[in-house]
Amino acid sequence: MTSQDSKIIYVESCPICGDGLCRIRICISNQKVTGFILCDECEAMWTDPLMQERVPTNVDETDPQCPSCSQSIWGKNMHWANIGEICLLGWFDHVQMVDE
């Protein structure tokens, strides 16, 4: 395990609930990699690292869906982003890291 593996990567504290960290979630669907910001507490979502494009709440709040592919954000094609993926998205300048 590298020192990066023991870090939580996030953009900022959640402006909606105030309790969670807004982290980058990766979606790999149809051989395309996309990212979105997700609060790890209240599951509020944004499509950009500046958190200006908030995703409307799903009708079924028990199974939030990816804004890109409409699959469950907790499905097999989703995971928390690592540093390499964040760099590929061009979002590295927007993240902070804290020890787990």
Protein backbone atom coordinates (compact mmCIF):
# COMPACT_ATOMS: atom_id res chain seq x y z
CA MET A 1 0.00 0.00 0.00
CA THR A 2 1.32 3.42 -0.92
CA SER A 3 0.82 6.55 1.15
CA GLN A 4 -1.75 7.71 -1.43
CA ASP A 5 -3.85 4.61 -0.72
CA SER A 6 -4.36 5.75 2.88
CA LYS A 7 -5.67 9.19 1.86
CA ILE A 8 -9.23 10.36 1.32
CA ILE A 9 -9.33 12.60 -1.72
CA TYR A 10 -12.04 15.25 -1.70
CA VAL A 11 -13.01 18.60 -3.19
CA GLU A 12 -14.57 20.29 -0.14
CA SER A 13 -16.97 19.75 2.74
CA CYS A 14 -20.54 19.37 1.58
CA PRO A 15 -22.38 22.71 1.31
CA ILE A 16 -25.73 20.87 1.49
CA CYS A 17 -25.50 18.72 4.63
CA GLY A 18 -22.34 20.16 6.20
CA ASP A 19 -21.31 16.69 7.43
CA GLY A 20 -19.89 14.89 4.40
CA LEU A 21 -16.92 15.27 2.13
CA CYS A 22 -17.57 15.92 -1.55
CA ARG A 23 -15.48 13.26 -3.27
CA ILE A 24 -14.93 12.32 -6.88
CA ARG A 25 -16.73 9.22 -8.06
CA ILE A 26 -15.69 7.51 -11.32
CA CYS A 27 -18.11 5.90 -13.77
CA ILE A 28 -16.81 3.50 -16.39
CA SER A 29 -19.62 2.85 -18.86
CA ASN A 30 -19.46 1.89 -22.54
CA GLN A 31 -15.65 2.18 -22.41
CA LYS A 32 -15.97 5.85 -21.40
CA VAL A 33 -14.61 7.21 -18.10
CA THR A 34 -16.50 10.10 -16.52
CA GLY A 35 -16.41 11.68 -13.09
CA PHE A 36 -18.82 13.44 -10.80
CA ILE A 37 -18.70 14.89 -7.31
CA LEU A 38 -20.62 13.01 -4.62
CA CYS A 39 -21.13 13.85 -0.95
CA ASP A 40 -20.16 10.74 0.98
CA GLU A 41 -22.84 11.53 3.57
CA CYS A 42 -26.00 12.93 1.91
CA GLU A 43 -25.25 11.81 -1.69
CA ALA A 44 -25.72 15.28 -3.20
CA MET A 45 -24.06 15.33 -6.66
CA TRP A 46 -22.38 17.80 -8.98
CA THR A 47 -21.00 17.30 -12.48
CA ASP A 48 -18.06 19.69 -12.23
CA PRO A 49 -15.18 20.17 -9.77
CA LEU A 50 -16.23 23.76 -9.02
CA MET A 51 -19.55 22.33 -7.83
CA GLN A 52 -21.61 24.77 -9.88
CA GLU A 53 -23.65 22.15 -11.79
CA ARG A 54 -25.70 20.34 -9.13
CA VAL A 55 -27.48 17.17 -10.25
CA PRO A 56 -31.20 17.16 -9.36
CA THR A 57 -32.23 14.65 -6.70
CA ASN A 58 -33.47 11.34 -8.09
CA VAL A 59 -37.07 10.31 -7.72
CA ASP A 60 -35.84 7.17 -5.92
CA GLU A 61 -33.52 8.53 -3.23
CA THR A 62 -32.74 4.98 -2.02
CA ASP A 63 -30.79 4.27 -5.24
CA PRO A 64 -29.12 7.44 -6.59
CA GLN A 65 -28.08 7.24 -10.23
CA CYS A 66 -24.98 8.35 -12.09
CA PRO A 67 -25.56 11.61 -14.00
CA SER A 68 -23.68 10.15 -16.98
CA CYS A 69 -25.07 6.62 -17.44
CA SER A 70 -28.13 6.52 -15.11
CA GLN A 71 -26.88 3.39 -13.32
CA SER A 72 -26.62 3.08 -9.52
CA ILE A 73 -23.76 5.17 -8.12
CA TRP A 74 -22.89 2.10 -6.02
CA GLY A 75 -22.85 -0.30 -9.00
CA LYS A 76 -19.99 -2.39 -10.32
CA ASN A 77 -18.95 0.30 -12.83
CA MET A 78 -18.44 2.95 -10.13
CA HIS A 79 -15.67 3.65 -7.61
CA TRP A 80 -13.98 6.48 -5.72
CA ALA A 81 -11.39 8.16 -7.94
CA ASN A 82 -7.68 7.73 -7.43
CA ILE A 83 -5.09 10.43 -8.14
CA GLY A 84 -4.37 9.14 -11.66
CA GLU A 85 -8.05 9.26 -12.61
CA ILE A 86 -8.43 12.74 -11.12
CA CYS A 87 -5.49 13.93 -13.24
CA LEU A 88 -7.04 12.38 -16.37
CA LEU A 89 -10.25 14.30 -15.67
CA GLY A 90 -8.20 17.49 -15.29
CA TRP A 91 -9.56 18.02 -11.78
CA PHE A 92 -6.34 17.67 -9.72
CA ASP A 93 -6.14 21.39 -8.88
CA HIS A 94 -9.52 21.12 -7.16
CA VAL A 95 -8.76 18.34 -4.66
CA GLN A 96 -7.45 18.06 -1.14
CA MET A 97 -6.24 14.97 0.72
CA VAL A 98 -6.61 13.87 4.29
CA ASP A 99 -5.49 10.69 6.09
CA GLU A 100 -8.15 8.02 6.46
